[in-house]
Structure formats: C-alpha cells, structure tokens
mmCIF file of all heavy atoms, coordinates in Angstrom:
data_MODEL
# 
_entry.id   MODEL 
# 
loop_
_atom_site.group_PDB 
_atom_site.id 
_atom_site.type_symbol 
_atom_site.label_atom_id 
_atom_site.label_alt_id 
_atom_site.label_comp_id 
_atom_site.label_asym_id 
_atom_site.label_entity_id 
_atom_site.label_seq_id 
_atom_site.pdbx_PDB_ins_code 
_atom_site.Cartn_x 
_atom_site.Cartn_y 
_atom_site.Cartn_z 
_atom_site.occupancy 
_atom_site.B_iso_or_equiv 
_atom_site.pdbx_formal_charge 
_atom_site.auth_seq_id 
_atom_site.auth_comp_id 
_atom_site.auth_asym_id 
_atom_site.auth_atom_id 
_atom_site.pdbx_PDB_model_num 
ATOM 1   N N   . ILE A 1 1  ? 116.856 5.219  67.562 1.00 0.00 ? 1  ILE A N   1 
ATOM 2   C CA  . ILE A 1 1  ? 116.785 5.696  66.189 1.00 0.00 ? 1  ILE A CA  1 
ATOM 3   C C   . ILE A 1 1  ? 117.789 6.832  66.043 1.00 0.00 ? 1  ILE A C   1 
ATOM 4   O O   . ILE A 1 1  ? 117.792 7.769  66.841 1.00 0.00 ? 1  ILE A O   1 
ATOM 5   C CB  . ILE A 1 1  ? 115.360 6.185  65.852 1.00 0.00 ? 1  ILE A CB  1 
ATOM 6   C CG1 . ILE A 1 1  ? 114.377 5.025  65.974 1.00 0.00 ? 1  ILE A CG1 1 
ATOM 7   C CG2 . ILE A 1 1  ? 115.320 6.805  64.464 1.00 0.00 ? 1  ILE A CG2 1 
ATOM 8   C CD1 . ILE A 1 1  ? 112.925 5.449  65.901 1.00 0.00 ? 1  ILE A CD1 1 
ATOM 9   N N   . PHE A 1 2  ? 118.642 6.747  65.050 1.00 0.00 ? 2  PHE A N   1 
ATOM 10  C CA  . PHE A 1 2  ? 119.637 7.783  64.843 1.00 0.00 ? 2  PHE A CA  1 
ATOM 11  C C   . PHE A 1 2  ? 119.933 7.911  63.362 1.00 0.00 ? 2  PHE A C   1 
ATOM 12  O O   . PHE A 1 2  ? 119.605 7.042  62.568 1.00 0.00 ? 2  PHE A O   1 
ATOM 13  C CB  . PHE A 1 2  ? 120.921 7.494  65.631 1.00 0.00 ? 2  PHE A CB  1 
ATOM 14  C CG  . PHE A 1 2  ? 121.625 6.239  65.196 1.00 0.00 ? 2  PHE A CG  1 
ATOM 15  C CD1 . PHE A 1 2  ? 122.633 6.299  64.252 1.00 0.00 ? 2  PHE A CD1 1 
ATOM 16  C CD2 . PHE A 1 2  ? 121.286 5.003  65.727 1.00 0.00 ? 2  PHE A CD2 1 
ATOM 17  C CE1 . PHE A 1 2  ? 123.287 5.143  63.850 1.00 0.00 ? 2  PHE A CE1 1 
ATOM 18  C CE2 . PHE A 1 2  ? 121.929 3.854  65.333 1.00 0.00 ? 2  PHE A CE2 1 
ATOM 19  C CZ  . PHE A 1 2  ? 122.939 3.922  64.387 1.00 0.00 ? 2  PHE A CZ  1 
ATOM 20  N N   . GLU A 1 3  ? 120.547 9.028  63.029 1.00 0.00 ? 3  GLU A N   1 
ATOM 21  C CA  . GLU A 1 3  ? 120.914 9.300  61.656 1.00 0.00 ? 3  GLU A CA  1 
ATOM 22  C C   . GLU A 1 3  ? 122.301 9.928  61.645 1.00 0.00 ? 3  GLU A C   1 
ATOM 23  O O   . GLU A 1 3  ? 122.599 10.799 62.462 1.00 0.00 ? 3  GLU A O   1 
ATOM 24  C CB  . GLU A 1 3  ? 119.903 10.271 61.038 1.00 0.00 ? 3  GLU A CB  1 
ATOM 25  C CG  . GLU A 1 3  ? 120.151 10.589 59.600 1.00 0.00 ? 3  GLU A CG  1 
ATOM 26  C CD  . GLU A 1 3  ? 119.092 11.509 59.034 1.00 0.00 ? 3  GLU A CD  1 
ATOM 27  O OE1 . GLU A 1 3  ? 117.961 11.522 59.545 1.00 0.00 ? 3  GLU A OE1 1 
ATOM 28  O OE2 . GLU A 1 3  ? 119.413 12.232 58.080 1.00 0.00 ? 3  GLU A OE2 1 
ATOM 29  N N   . GLU A 1 4  ? 123.126 9.490  60.749 1.00 0.00 ? 4  GLU A N   1 
ATOM 30  C CA  . GLU A 1 4  ? 124.464 10.051 60.616 1.00 0.00 ? 4  GLU A CA  1 
ATOM 31  C C   . GLU A 1 4  ? 124.460 10.998 59.418 1.00 0.00 ? 4  GLU A C   1 
ATOM 32  O O   . GLU A 1 4  ? 124.058 10.622 58.320 1.00 0.00 ? 4  GLU A O   1 
ATOM 33  C CB  . GLU A 1 4  ? 125.475 8.919  60.396 1.00 0.00 ? 4  GLU A CB  1 
ATOM 34  C CG  . GLU A 1 4  ? 126.893 9.361  60.326 1.00 0.00 ? 4  GLU A CG  1 
ATOM 35  C CD  . GLU A 1 4  ? 127.865 8.208  60.180 1.00 0.00 ? 4  GLU A CD  1 
ATOM 36  O OE1 . GLU A 1 4  ? 127.420 7.068  59.967 1.00 0.00 ? 4  GLU A OE1 1 
ATOM 37  O OE2 . GLU A 1 4  ? 129.073 8.460  60.253 1.00 0.00 ? 4  GLU A OE2 1 
ATOM 38  N N   . THR A 1 5  ? 124.850 12.243 59.640 1.00 0.00 ? 5  THR A N   1 
ATOM 39  C CA  . THR A 1 5  ? 124.873 13.236 58.568 1.00 0.00 ? 5  THR A CA  1 
ATOM 40  C C   . THR A 1 5  ? 126.150 14.064 58.644 1.00 0.00 ? 5  THR A C   1 
ATOM 41  O O   . THR A 1 5  ? 126.788 14.137 59.701 1.00 0.00 ? 5  THR A O   1 
ATOM 42  C CB  . THR A 1 5  ? 123.679 14.206 58.658 1.00 0.00 ? 5  THR A CB  1 
ATOM 43  O OG1 . THR A 1 5  ? 123.745 14.895 59.900 1.00 0.00 ? 5  THR A OG1 1 
ATOM 44  C CG2 . THR A 1 5  ? 122.353 13.475 58.549 1.00 0.00 ? 5  THR A CG2 1 
ATOM 45  N N   . GLU A 1 6  ? 126.504 14.676 57.535 1.00 0.00 ? 6  GLU A N   1 
ATOM 46  C CA  . GLU A 1 6  ? 127.636 15.590 57.511 1.00 0.00 ? 6  GLU A CA  1 
ATOM 47  C C   . GLU A 1 6  ? 127.151 16.967 57.937 1.00 0.00 ? 6  GLU A C   1 
ATOM 48  O O   . GLU A 1 6  ? 126.009 17.347 57.667 1.00 0.00 ? 6  GLU A O   1 
ATOM 49  C CB  . GLU A 1 6  ? 128.245 15.640 56.121 1.00 0.00 ? 6  GLU A CB  1 
ATOM 50  C CG  . GLU A 1 6  ? 128.912 14.340 55.729 1.00 0.00 ? 6  GLU A CG  1 
ATOM 51  C CD  . GLU A 1 6  ? 129.658 14.447 54.411 1.00 0.00 ? 6  GLU A CD  1 
ATOM 52  O OE1 . GLU A 1 6  ? 129.445 15.429 53.664 1.00 0.00 ? 6  GLU A OE1 1 
ATOM 53  O OE2 . GLU A 1 6  ? 130.454 13.552 54.145 1.00 0.00 ? 6  GLU A OE2 1 
ATOM 54  N N   . VAL A 1 7  ? 128.012 17.703 58.619 1.00 0.00 ? 7  VAL A N   1 
ATOM 55  C CA  . VAL A 1 7  ? 127.668 19.019 59.138 1.00 0.00 ? 7  VAL A CA  1 
ATOM 56  C C   . VAL A 1 7  ? 128.794 20.007 58.831 1.00 0.00 ? 7  VAL A C   1 
ATOM 57  O O   . VAL A 1 7  ? 129.916 19.617 58.530 1.00 0.00 ? 7  VAL A O   1 
ATOM 58  C CB  . VAL A 1 7  ? 127.419 18.975 60.663 1.00 0.00 ? 7  VAL A CB  1 
ATOM 59  C CG1 . VAL A 1 7  ? 126.207 18.142 61.002 1.00 0.00 ? 7  VAL A CG1 1 
ATOM 60  C CG2 . VAL A 1 7  ? 128.643 18.457 61.399 1.00 0.00 ? 7  VAL A CG2 1 
ATOM 61  N N   . ALA A 1 8  ? 128.474 21.284 58.925 1.00 0.00 ? 8  ALA A N   1 
ATOM 62  C CA  . ALA A 1 8  ? 129.469 22.350 58.798 1.00 0.00 ? 8  ALA A CA  1 
ATOM 63  C C   . ALA A 1 8  ? 129.864 22.778 60.209 1.00 0.00 ? 8  ALA A C   1 
ATOM 64  O O   . ALA A 1 8  ? 129.007 22.965 61.069 1.00 0.00 ? 8  ALA A O   1 
ATOM 65  C CB  . ALA A 1 8  ? 128.887 23.519 58.020 1.00 0.00 ? 8  ALA A CB  1 
ATOM 66  N N   . VAL A 1 9  ? 131.160 22.933 60.435 1.00 0.00 ? 9  VAL A N   1 
ATOM 67  C CA  . VAL A 1 9  ? 131.671 23.242 61.771 1.00 0.00 ? 9  VAL A CA  1 
ATOM 68  C C   . VAL A 1 9  ? 132.570 24.472 61.689 1.00 0.00 ? 9  VAL A C   1 
ATOM 69  O O   . VAL A 1 9  ? 133.330 24.639 60.740 1.00 0.00 ? 9  VAL A O   1 
ATOM 70  C CB  . VAL A 1 9  ? 132.490 22.051 62.327 1.00 0.00 ? 9  VAL A CB  1 
ATOM 71  C CG1 . VAL A 1 9  ? 133.094 22.377 63.684 1.00 0.00 ? 9  VAL A CG1 1 
ATOM 72  C CG2 . VAL A 1 9  ? 131.630 20.799 62.398 1.00 0.00 ? 9  VAL A CG2 1 
ATOM 73  N N   . ILE A 1 10 ? 132.472 25.316 62.703 1.00 0.00 ? 10 ILE A N   1 
ATOM 74  C CA  . ILE A 1 10 ? 133.375 26.459 62.812 1.00 0.00 ? 10 ILE A CA  1 
ATOM 75  C C   . ILE A 1 10 ? 133.787 26.632 64.268 1.00 0.00 ? 10 ILE A C   1 
ATOM 76  O O   . ILE A 1 10 ? 133.004 26.387 65.183 1.00 0.00 ? 10 ILE A O   1 
ATOM 77  C CB  . ILE A 1 10 ? 132.721 27.762 62.266 1.00 0.00 ? 10 ILE A CB  1 
ATOM 78  C CG1 . ILE A 1 10 ? 133.733 28.914 62.266 1.00 0.00 ? 10 ILE A CG1 1 
ATOM 79  C CG2 . ILE A 1 10 ? 131.463 28.100 63.025 1.00 0.00 ? 10 ILE A CG2 1 
ATOM 80  C CD1 . ILE A 1 10 ? 133.267 30.152 61.513 1.00 0.00 ? 10 ILE A CD1 1 
ATOM 81  N N   . ARG A 1 11 ? 135.016 27.039 64.458 1.00 0.00 ? 11 ARG A N   1 
ATOM 82  C CA  . ARG A 1 11 ? 135.513 27.392 65.784 1.00 0.00 ? 11 ARG A CA  1 
ATOM 83  C C   . ARG A 1 11 ? 135.457 28.913 65.881 1.00 0.00 ? 11 ARG A C   1 
ATOM 84  O O   . ARG A 1 11 ? 135.957 29.613 65.001 1.00 0.00 ? 11 ARG A O   1 
ATOM 85  C CB  . ARG A 1 11 ? 136.930 26.868 65.975 1.00 0.00 ? 11 ARG A CB  1 
ATOM 86  C CG  . ARG A 1 11 ? 136.945 25.374 66.166 1.00 0.00 ? 11 ARG A CG  1 
ATOM 87  C CD  . ARG A 1 11 ? 138.331 24.778 66.004 1.00 0.00 ? 11 ARG A CD  1 
ATOM 88  N NE  . ARG A 1 11 ? 138.293 23.343 66.198 1.00 0.00 ? 11 ARG A NE  1 
ATOM 89  C CZ  . ARG A 1 11 ? 137.893 22.452 65.300 1.00 0.00 ? 11 ARG A CZ  1 
ATOM 90  N NH1 . ARG A 1 11 ? 137.478 22.861 64.124 1.00 0.00 ? 11 ARG A NH1 1 
ATOM 91  N NH2 . ARG A 1 11 ? 137.897 21.166 65.548 1.00 0.00 ? 11 ARG A NH2 1 
ATOM 92  N N   . LEU A 1 12 ? 134.835 29.401 66.941 1.00 0.00 ? 12 LEU A N   1 
ATOM 93  C CA  . LEU A 1 12 ? 134.591 30.829 67.110 1.00 0.00 ? 12 LEU A CA  1 
ATOM 94  C C   . LEU A 1 12 ? 135.196 31.330 68.411 1.00 0.00 ? 12 LEU A C   1 
ATOM 95  O O   . LEU A 1 12 ? 135.342 30.571 69.372 1.00 0.00 ? 12 LEU A O   1 
ATOM 96  C CB  . LEU A 1 12 ? 133.080 31.101 67.160 1.00 0.00 ? 12 LEU A CB  1 
ATOM 97  C CG  . LEU A 1 12 ? 132.259 30.684 65.956 1.00 0.00 ? 12 LEU A CG  1 
ATOM 98  C CD1 . LEU A 1 12 ? 130.776 30.697 66.305 1.00 0.00 ? 12 LEU A CD1 1 
ATOM 99  C CD2 . LEU A 1 12 ? 132.540 31.615 64.795 1.00 0.00 ? 12 LEU A CD2 1 
ATOM 100 N N   . ALA A 1 13 ? 135.487 32.626 68.430 1.00 0.00 ? 13 ALA A N   1 
ATOM 101 C CA  . ALA A 1 13 ? 135.904 33.244 69.681 1.00 0.00 ? 13 ALA A CA  1 
ATOM 102 C C   . ALA A 1 13 ? 134.755 33.073 70.680 1.00 0.00 ? 13 ALA A C   1 
ATOM 103 O O   . ALA A 1 13 ? 133.585 33.162 70.312 1.00 0.00 ? 13 ALA A O   1 
ATOM 104 C CB  . ALA A 1 13 ? 136.205 34.723 69.460 1.00 0.00 ? 13 ALA A CB  1 
ATOM 105 N N   . HIS A 1 14 ? 135.100 32.812 71.926 1.00 0.00 ? 14 HIS A N   1 
ATOM 106 C CA  . HIS A 1 14 ? 134.088 32.589 72.964 1.00 0.00 ? 14 HIS A CA  1 
ATOM 107 C C   . HIS A 1 14 ? 133.677 33.930 73.562 1.00 0.00 ? 14 HIS A C   1 
ATOM 108 O O   . HIS A 1 14 ? 134.125 34.341 74.638 1.00 0.00 ? 14 HIS A O   1 
ATOM 109 C CB  . HIS A 1 14 ? 134.657 31.656 74.034 1.00 0.00 ? 14 HIS A CB  1 
ATOM 110 C CG  . HIS A 1 14 ? 133.656 31.267 75.056 1.00 0.00 ? 14 HIS A CG  1 
ATOM 111 N ND1 . HIS A 1 14 ? 133.961 31.172 76.384 1.00 0.00 ? 14 HIS A ND1 1 
ATOM 112 C CD2 . HIS A 1 14 ? 132.340 30.961 74.968 1.00 0.00 ? 14 HIS A CD2 1 
ATOM 113 C CE1 . HIS A 1 14 ? 132.896 30.821 77.068 1.00 0.00 ? 14 HIS A CE1 1 
ATOM 114 N NE2 . HIS A 1 14 ? 131.902 30.694 76.227 1.00 0.00 ? 14 HIS A NE2 1 
ATOM 115 N N   . ARG A 1 15 ? 132.808 34.638 72.808 1.00 0.00 ? 15 ARG A N   1 
ATOM 116 C CA  . ARG A 1 15 ? 132.300 35.921 73.272 1.00 0.00 ? 15 ARG A CA  1 
ATOM 117 C C   . ARG A 1 15 ? 130.898 36.138 72.704 1.00 0.00 ? 15 ARG A C   1 
ATOM 118 O O   . ARG A 1 15 ? 130.536 35.536 71.688 1.00 0.00 ? 15 ARG A O   1 
ATOM 119 C CB  . ARG A 1 15 ? 133.238 37.059 72.899 1.00 0.00 ? 15 ARG A CB  1 
ATOM 120 C CG  . ARG A 1 15 ? 133.441 37.239 71.432 1.00 0.00 ? 15 ARG A CG  1 
ATOM 121 C CD  . ARG A 1 15 ? 134.374 38.434 71.136 1.00 0.00 ? 15 ARG A CD  1 
ATOM 122 N NE  . ARG A 1 15 ? 134.658 38.455 69.719 1.00 0.00 ? 15 ARG A NE  1 
ATOM 123 C CZ  . ARG A 1 15 ? 135.840 38.229 69.185 1.00 0.00 ? 15 ARG A CZ  1 
ATOM 124 N NH1 . ARG A 1 15 ? 136.878 37.997 69.959 1.00 0.00 ? 15 ARG A NH1 1 
ATOM 125 N NH2 . ARG A 1 15 ? 136.009 38.253 67.883 1.00 0.00 ? 15 ARG A NH2 1 
ATOM 126 N N   . PRO A 1 16 ? 130.113 36.981 73.344 1.00 0.00 ? 16 PRO A N   1 
ATOM 127 C CA  . PRO A 1 16 ? 128.730 37.204 72.907 1.00 0.00 ? 16 PRO A CA  1 
ATOM 128 C C   . PRO A 1 16 ? 128.654 37.656 71.443 1.00 0.00 ? 16 PRO A C   1 
ATOM 129 O O   . PRO A 1 16 ? 129.456 38.471 70.997 1.00 0.00 ? 16 PRO A O   1 
ATOM 130 C CB  . PRO A 1 16 ? 128.231 38.310 73.843 1.00 0.00 ? 16 PRO A CB  1 
ATOM 131 C CG  . PRO A 1 16 ? 129.072 38.176 75.063 1.00 0.00 ? 16 PRO A CG  1 
ATOM 132 C CD  . PRO A 1 16 ? 130.432 37.745 74.562 1.00 0.00 ? 16 PRO A CD  1 
ATOM 133 N N   . GLY A 1 17 ? 127.688 37.098 70.734 1.00 0.00 ? 17 GLY A N   1 
ATOM 134 C CA  . GLY A 1 17 ? 127.412 37.514 69.371 1.00 0.00 ? 17 GLY A CA  1 
ATOM 135 C C   . GLY A 1 17 ? 128.056 36.699 68.270 1.00 0.00 ? 17 GLY A C   1 
ATOM 136 O O   . GLY A 1 17 ? 127.659 36.803 67.110 1.00 0.00 ? 17 GLY A O   1 
ATOM 137 N N   . GLU A 1 18 ? 129.049 35.895 68.603 1.00 0.00 ? 18 GLU A N   1 
ATOM 138 C CA  . GLU A 1 18 ? 129.776 35.161 67.562 1.00 0.00 ? 18 GLU A CA  1 
ATOM 139 C C   . GLU A 1 18 ? 128.913 34.088 66.886 1.00 0.00 ? 18 GLU A C   1 
ATOM 140 O O   . GLU A 1 18 ? 128.963 33.914 65.671 1.00 0.00 ? 18 GLU A O   1 
ATOM 141 C CB  . GLU A 1 18 ? 131.056 34.543 68.118 1.00 0.00 ? 18 GLU A CB  1 
ATOM 142 C CG  . GLU A 1 18 ? 132.097 35.576 68.500 1.00 0.00 ? 18 GLU A CG  1 
ATOM 143 C CD  . GLU A 1 18 ? 132.522 36.453 67.335 1.00 0.00 ? 18 GLU A CD  1 
ATOM 144 O OE1 . GLU A 1 18 ? 132.877 35.919 66.270 1.00 0.00 ? 18 GLU A OE1 1 
ATOM 145 O OE2 . GLU A 1 18 ? 132.481 37.684 67.495 1.00 0.00 ? 18 GLU A OE2 1 
ATOM 146 N N   . LEU A 1 19 ? 128.125 33.362 67.666 1.00 0.00 ? 19 LEU A N   1 
ATOM 147 C CA  . LEU A 1 19 ? 127.244 32.343 67.089 1.00 0.00 ? 19 LEU A CA  1 
ATOM 148 C C   . LEU A 1 19 ? 126.206 33.012 66.183 1.00 0.00 ? 19 LEU A C   1 
ATOM 149 O O   . LEU A 1 19 ? 125.941 32.545 65.072 1.00 0.00 ? 19 LEU A O   1 
ATOM 150 C CB  . LEU A 1 19 ? 126.566 31.527 68.186 1.00 0.00 ? 19 LEU A CB  1 
ATOM 151 C CG  . LEU A 1 19 ? 125.610 30.445 67.722 1.00 0.00 ? 19 LEU A CG  1 
ATOM 152 C CD1 . LEU A 1 19 ? 126.315 29.427 66.846 1.00 0.00 ? 19 LEU A CD1 1 
ATOM 153 C CD2 . LEU A 1 19 ? 124.975 29.765 68.926 1.00 0.00 ? 19 LEU A CD2 1 
ATOM 154 N N   . GLY A 1 20 ? 125.657 34.124 66.635 1.00 0.00 ? 20 GLY A N   1 
ATOM 155 C CA  . GLY A 1 20 ? 124.696 34.866 65.835 1.00 0.00 ? 20 GLY A CA  1 
ATOM 156 C C   . GLY A 1 20 ? 125.301 35.387 64.542 1.00 0.00 ? 20 GLY A C   1 
ATOM 157 O O   . GLY A 1 20 ? 124.656 35.384 63.493 1.00 0.00 ? 20 GLY A O   1 
ATOM 158 N N   . ARG A 1 21 ? 126.546 35.821 64.617 1.00 0.00 ? 21 ARG A N   1 
ATOM 159 C CA  . ARG A 1 21 ? 127.230 36.321 63.425 1.00 0.00 ? 21 ARG A CA  1 
ATOM 160 C C   . ARG A 1 21 ? 127.401 35.211 62.396 1.00 0.00 ? 21 ARG A C   1 
ATOM 161 O O   . ARG A 1 21 ? 127.165 35.400 61.205 1.00 0.00 ? 21 ARG A O   1 
ATOM 162 C CB  . ARG A 1 21 ? 128.585 36.915 63.811 1.00 0.00 ? 21 ARG A CB  1 
ATOM 163 C CG  . ARG A 1 21 ? 129.257 37.669 62.686 1.00 0.00 ? 21 ARG A CG  1 
ATOM 164 C CD  . ARG A 1 21 ? 130.352 38.588 63.225 1.00 0.00 ? 21 ARG A CD  1 
ATOM 165 N NE  . ARG A 1 21 ? 131.454 37.848 63.781 1.00 0.00 ? 21 ARG A NE  1 
ATOM 166 C CZ  . ARG A 1 21 ? 132.618 37.675 63.153 1.00 0.00 ? 21 ARG A CZ  1 
ATOM 167 N NH1 . ARG A 1 21 ? 132.804 38.170 61.952 1.00 0.00 ? 21 ARG A NH1 1 
ATOM 168 N NH2 . ARG A 1 21 ? 133.585 37.010 63.733 1.00 0.00 ? 21 ARG A NH2 1 
ATOM 169 N N   . ALA A 1 22 ? 127.779 34.026 62.852 1.00 0.00 ? 22 ALA A N   1 
ATOM 170 C CA  . ALA A 1 22 ? 127.949 32.888 61.943 1.00 0.00 ? 22 ALA A CA  1 
ATOM 171 C C   . ALA A 1 22 ? 126.610 32.496 61.322 1.00 0.00 ? 22 ALA A C   1 
ATOM 172 O O   . ALA A 1 22 ? 126.520 32.280 60.104 1.00 0.00 ? 22 ALA A O   1 
ATOM 173 C CB  . ALA A 1 22 ? 128.568 31.705 62.682 1.00 0.00 ? 22 ALA A CB  1 
ATOM 174 N N   . ALA A 1 23 ? 125.562 32.440 62.133 1.00 0.00 ? 23 ALA A N   1 
ATOM 175 C CA  . ALA A 1 23 ? 124.244 32.072 61.617 1.00 0.00 ? 23 ALA A CA  1 
ATOM 176 C C   . ALA A 1 23 ? 123.734 33.131 60.640 1.00 0.00 ? 23 ALA A C   1 
ATOM 177 O O   . ALA A 1 23 ? 123.154 32.800 59.603 1.00 0.00 ? 23 ALA A O   1 
ATOM 178 C CB  . ALA A 1 23 ? 123.263 31.888 62.773 1.00 0.00 ? 23 ALA A CB  1 
ATOM 179 N N   . SER A 1 24 ? 123.953 34.390 60.950 1.00 0.00 ? 24 SER A N   1 
ATOM 180 C CA  . SER A 1 24 ? 123.526 35.470 60.057 1.00 0.00 ? 24 SER A CA  1 
ATOM 181 C C   . SER A 1 24 ? 124.242 35.398 58.720 1.00 0.00 ? 24 SER A C   1 
ATOM 182 O O   . SER A 1 24 ? 123.643 35.610 57.667 1.00 0.00 ? 24 SER A O   1 
ATOM 183 C CB  . SER A 1 24 ? 123.791 36.836 60.697 1.00 0.00 ? 24 SER A CB  1 
ATOM 184 O OG  . SER A 1 24 ? 122.953 37.028 61.793 1.00 0.00 ? 24 SER A OG  1 
ATOM 185 N N   . ARG A 1 25 ? 125.526 35.093 58.769 1.00 0.00 ? 25 ARG A N   1 
ATOM 186 C CA  . ARG A 1 25 ? 126.298 34.994 57.522 1.00 0.00 ? 25 ARG A CA  1 
ATOM 187 C C   . ARG A 1 25 ? 125.740 33.885 56.628 1.00 0.00 ? 25 ARG A C   1 
ATOM 188 O O   . ARG A 1 25 ? 125.634 34.041 55.423 1.00 0.00 ? 25 ARG A O   1 
ATOM 189 C CB  . ARG A 1 25 ? 127.769 34.750 57.851 1.00 0.00 ? 25 ARG A CB  1 
ATOM 190 C CG  . ARG A 1 25 ? 128.706 34.758 56.673 1.00 0.00 ? 25 ARG A CG  1 
ATOM 191 C CD  . ARG A 1 25 ? 128.970 36.154 56.106 1.00 0.00 ? 25 ARG A CD  1 
ATOM 192 N NE  . ARG A 1 25 ? 129.529 37.070 57.071 1.00 0.00 ? 25 ARG A NE  1 
ATOM 193 C CZ  . ARG A 1 25 ? 130.832 37.313 57.233 1.00 0.00 ? 25 ARG A CZ  1 
ATOM 194 N NH1 . ARG A 1 25 ? 131.708 36.683 56.492 1.00 0.00 ? 25 ARG A NH1 1 
ATOM 195 N NH2 . ARG A 1 25 ? 131.233 38.176 58.136 1.00 0.00 ? 25 ARG A NH2 1 
ATOM 196 N N   . LEU A 1 26 ? 125.370 32.760 57.245 1.00 0.00 ? 26 LEU A N   1 
ATOM 197 C CA  . LEU A 1 26 ? 124.759 31.679 56.462 1.00 0.00 ? 26 LEU A CA  1 
ATOM 198 C C   . LEU A 1 26 ? 123.432 32.148 55.858 1.00 0.00 ? 26 LEU A C   1 
ATOM 199 O O   . LEU A 1 26 ? 123.155 31.897 54.686 1.00 0.00 ? 26 LEU A O   1 
ATOM 200 C CB  . LEU A 1 26 ? 124.552 30.436 57.331 1.00 0.00 ? 26 LEU A CB  1 
ATOM 201 C CG  . LEU A 1 26 ? 125.817 29.727 57.793 1.00 0.00 ? 26 LEU A CG  1 
ATOM 202 C CD1 . LEU A 1 26 ? 125.481 28.653 58.819 1.00 0.00 ? 26 LEU A CD1 1 
ATOM 203 C CD2 . LEU A 1 26 ? 126.586 29.144 56.628 1.00 0.00 ? 26 LEU A CD2 1 
ATOM 204 N N   . GLY A 1 27 ? 122.633 32.841 56.643 1.00 0.00 ? 27 GLY A N   1 
ATOM 205 C CA  . GLY A 1 27 ? 121.351 33.342 56.163 1.00 0.00 ? 27 GLY A CA  1 
ATOM 206 C C   . GLY A 1 27 ? 121.504 34.339 55.029 1.00 0.00 ? 27 GLY A C   1 
ATOM 207 O O   . GLY A 1 27 ? 120.726 34.331 54.071 1.00 0.00 ? 27 GLY A O   1 
ATOM 208 N N   . GLU A 1 28 ? 122.510 35.204 55.132 1.00 0.00 ? 28 GLU A N   1 
ATOM 209 C CA  . GLU A 1 28 ? 122.769 36.193 54.075 1.00 0.00 ? 28 GLU A CA  1 
ATOM 210 C C   . GLU A 1 28 ? 123.065 35.520 52.740 1.00 0.00 ? 28 GLU A C   1 
ATOM 211 O O   . GLU A 1 28 ? 122.775 36.076 51.688 1.00 0.00 ? 28 GLU A O   1 
ATOM 212 C CB  . GLU A 1 28 ? 123.954 37.076 54.469 1.00 0.00 ? 28 GLU A CB  1 
ATOM 213 C CG  . GLU A 1 28 ? 123.661 38.032 55.594 1.00 0.00 ? 28 GLU A CG  1 
ATOM 214 C CD  . GLU A 1 28 ? 124.921 38.652 56.183 1.00 0.00 ? 28 GLU A CD  1 
ATOM 215 O OE1 . GLU A 1 28 ? 126.039 38.408 55.668 1.00 0.00 ? 28 GLU A OE1 1 
ATOM 216 O OE2 . GLU A 1 28 ? 124.779 39.376 57.194 1.00 0.00 ? 28 GLU A OE2 1 
# 
C-alpha cells in the first residue's frame, strides 16, 4: 500500500539546528 504525494523540499547546511530552524519557520 502506498500513496504518491507532493512535498516541500529544502537543501540545508549540514550542521546542528538547521532542520529545527526550517521546521520552526513553517510553524511560525
């Protein structure tokens, strides 16, 4: 069972906190 959906993608610097920053920005 699978589903194909569109997603938002970002390339980030590979350092601590970057994923959290992107998620926080979406939440804001």
